[in-house]
Every structure is written in structure tokens, then in C-alpha cells.
């Protein structure tokens, strides 16, 4: 189960481990997923219909020049695109950024 950083609306980031696969990712964000690359190997995973469904604003993300609505999480992927554990440095960096 890969280690991710879950960022709830209005809350502080929380380190979690989720099962591999699309279903587990969709469960975390409450629907269909959208993956946005923040940097090499790091993805922000959110609900792709968050705006359409009227989800509350969570955070502003400069990389996409927009806001993310609803809960999202940060994950890392390998060269094959599989979700793998965030490193300790990743957790520290993104916890600081989204706190």
C-alpha cells in the first residue's frame, strides 16, 4: 500500500497508506480522478469534476494557475507510472507547503 499525503478541505495534510489501484484513488477524492504533475515523479490527485459538482475550494495550486476543489492527495509514481511510496523528504516538503 503506497504512502500518500492526503489534503482535506480546511484541514492539515495527513500521511496515509492506500491500496493500489484506481478504485482506492477515486475513494480518496470522491469520484473520477484527475492527476496533475507538480514535479518529476510527484502527482496531485483530485476529483476531476470538483468544480462542476460545486466542491469547496481546497488550495490554490500555482503549477496549474487555478484552485483545487475538494479533497486531494499527493503521490509519487515510478518510471512505469505505478504509484509508489512518497519519500520522507516528499512528506516533509508537501506537509509544509499545504499546512
Protein backbone atom coordinates (compact mmCIF):
# COMPACT_ATOMS: atom_id res chain seq x y z
CA UNK A 1 0.00 0.00 0.00
CA UNK A 2 1.69 3.20 -1.16
CA UNK A 3 2.24 6.06 1.26
CA UNK A 4 0.46 9.27 0.19
CA UNK A 5 -0.22 12.69 1.69
CA UNK A 6 -3.96 13.35 1.93
CA UNK A 7 -5.01 17.03 1.97
CA UNK A 8 -8.60 17.54 3.17
CA UNK A 9 -10.57 20.73 2.58
CA UNK A 10 -9.92 23.07 5.51
CA UNK A 11 -7.57 20.62 7.21
CA UNK A 12 -3.94 19.78 7.61
CA UNK A 13 -2.19 17.18 5.45
CA UNK A 14 -2.29 13.61 6.77
CA UNK A 15 0.04 10.78 5.83
CA UNK A 16 -1.91 7.68 4.75
CA UNK A 17 -1.34 4.33 3.06
CA UNK A 18 -3.93 3.36 0.44
CA UNK A 19 -4.38 0.21 -1.64
CA UNK A 20 -3.04 0.30 -5.19
CA UNK A 21 -5.48 0.89 -7.99
CA UNK A 22 -8.00 3.29 -9.44
CA UNK A 23 -10.81 2.43 -7.03
CA UNK A 24 -8.78 3.39 -3.95
CA UNK A 25 -7.71 6.65 -5.58
CA UNK A 26 -11.29 7.50 -6.51
CA UNK A 27 -12.44 6.76 -2.98
CA UNK A 28 -9.96 9.29 -1.56
CA UNK A 29 -11.23 12.13 -3.78
CA UNK A 30 -14.89 11.16 -4.01
CA UNK A 31 -15.14 10.45 -7.74
CA UNK A 32 -13.29 10.36 -11.03
CA UNK A 33 -9.64 11.34 -10.67
CA UNK A 34 -7.51 13.93 -12.37
CA UNK A 35 -3.74 13.70 -11.98
CA UNK A 36 -1.67 16.88 -12.17
CA UNK A 37 2.12 16.65 -12.25
CA UNK A 38 3.68 19.02 -9.72
CA UNK A 39 7.26 17.96 -10.39
CA UNK A 40 9.08 14.94 -11.78
CA UNK A 41 7.56 11.85 -10.17
CA UNK A 42 5.09 13.76 -7.97
CA UNK A 43 1.37 13.97 -8.73
CA UNK A 44 -1.53 15.84 -7.21
CA UNK A 45 -4.62 13.63 -7.49
CA UNK A 46 -8.01 15.33 -7.23
CA UNK A 47 -11.63 14.92 -8.30
CA UNK A 48 -11.80 15.91 -11.96
CA UNK A 49 -15.37 17.17 -11.56
CA UNK A 50 -14.81 19.06 -8.30
CA UNK A 51 -15.61 22.44 -9.84
CA UNK A 52 -18.62 21.19 -11.77
CA UNK A 53 -20.02 19.50 -8.67
CA UNK A 54 -19.52 22.61 -6.52
CA UNK A 55 -16.91 21.19 -4.15
CA UNK A 56 -15.39 23.78 -1.79
CA UNK A 57 -12.03 25.33 -2.63
CA UNK A 58 -9.18 23.46 -1.00
CA UNK A 59 -5.91 25.08 -2.09
CA UNK A 60 -4.56 27.33 -4.86
CA UNK A 61 -2.01 25.48 -6.99
CA UNK A 62 0.40 27.77 -8.89
CA UNK A 63 1.50 24.97 -11.24
CA UNK A 64 -1.98 24.87 -12.78
CA UNK A 65 -2.81 28.55 -12.19
CA UNK A 66 -6.04 27.53 -10.53
CA UNK A 67 -7.59 26.15 -7.38
CA UNK A 68 -8.27 22.55 -6.47
CA UNK A 69 -11.72 21.86 -5.13
CA UNK A 70 -12.45 19.05 -2.72
CA UNK A 71 -10.04 16.71 -1.02
CA UNK A 72 -6.88 15.73 -2.87
CA UNK A 73 -3.69 13.81 -2.26
CA UNK A 74 -0.06 13.87 -3.25
CA UNK A 75 1.54 10.68 -4.54
CA UNK A 76 4.72 9.55 -6.26
CA UNK A 77 4.97 7.37 -9.37
CA UNK A 78 7.76 5.26 -10.80
CA UNK A 79 9.03 5.08 -14.39
CA UNK A 80 6.19 2.71 -15.32
CA UNK A 81 3.54 5.06 -13.90
CA UNK A 82 2.78 2.88 -10.86
CA UNK A 83 2.04 4.63 -7.57
CA UNK A 84 4.87 4.16 -5.08
CA UNK A 85 5.65 5.48 -1.58
CA UNK A 86 6.35 9.13 -1.05
CA UNK A 87 9.81 9.62 0.43
CA UNK A 88 10.31 11.16 3.88
CA UNK A 89 11.54 14.30 2.09
CA UNK A 90 8.37 14.41 -0.06
CA UNK A 91 6.15 14.14 3.02
CA UNK A 92 8.06 16.91 4.79
CA UNK A 93 8.06 19.22 1.75
CA UNK A 94 4.37 18.86 0.89
CA UNK A 95 3.19 18.87 4.51
CA UNK A 96 4.92 22.23 4.91
CA UNK A 97 3.53 23.52 1.61
CA UNK A 98 -0.09 22.58 2.29
CA UNK A 99 -0.25 23.25 6.06
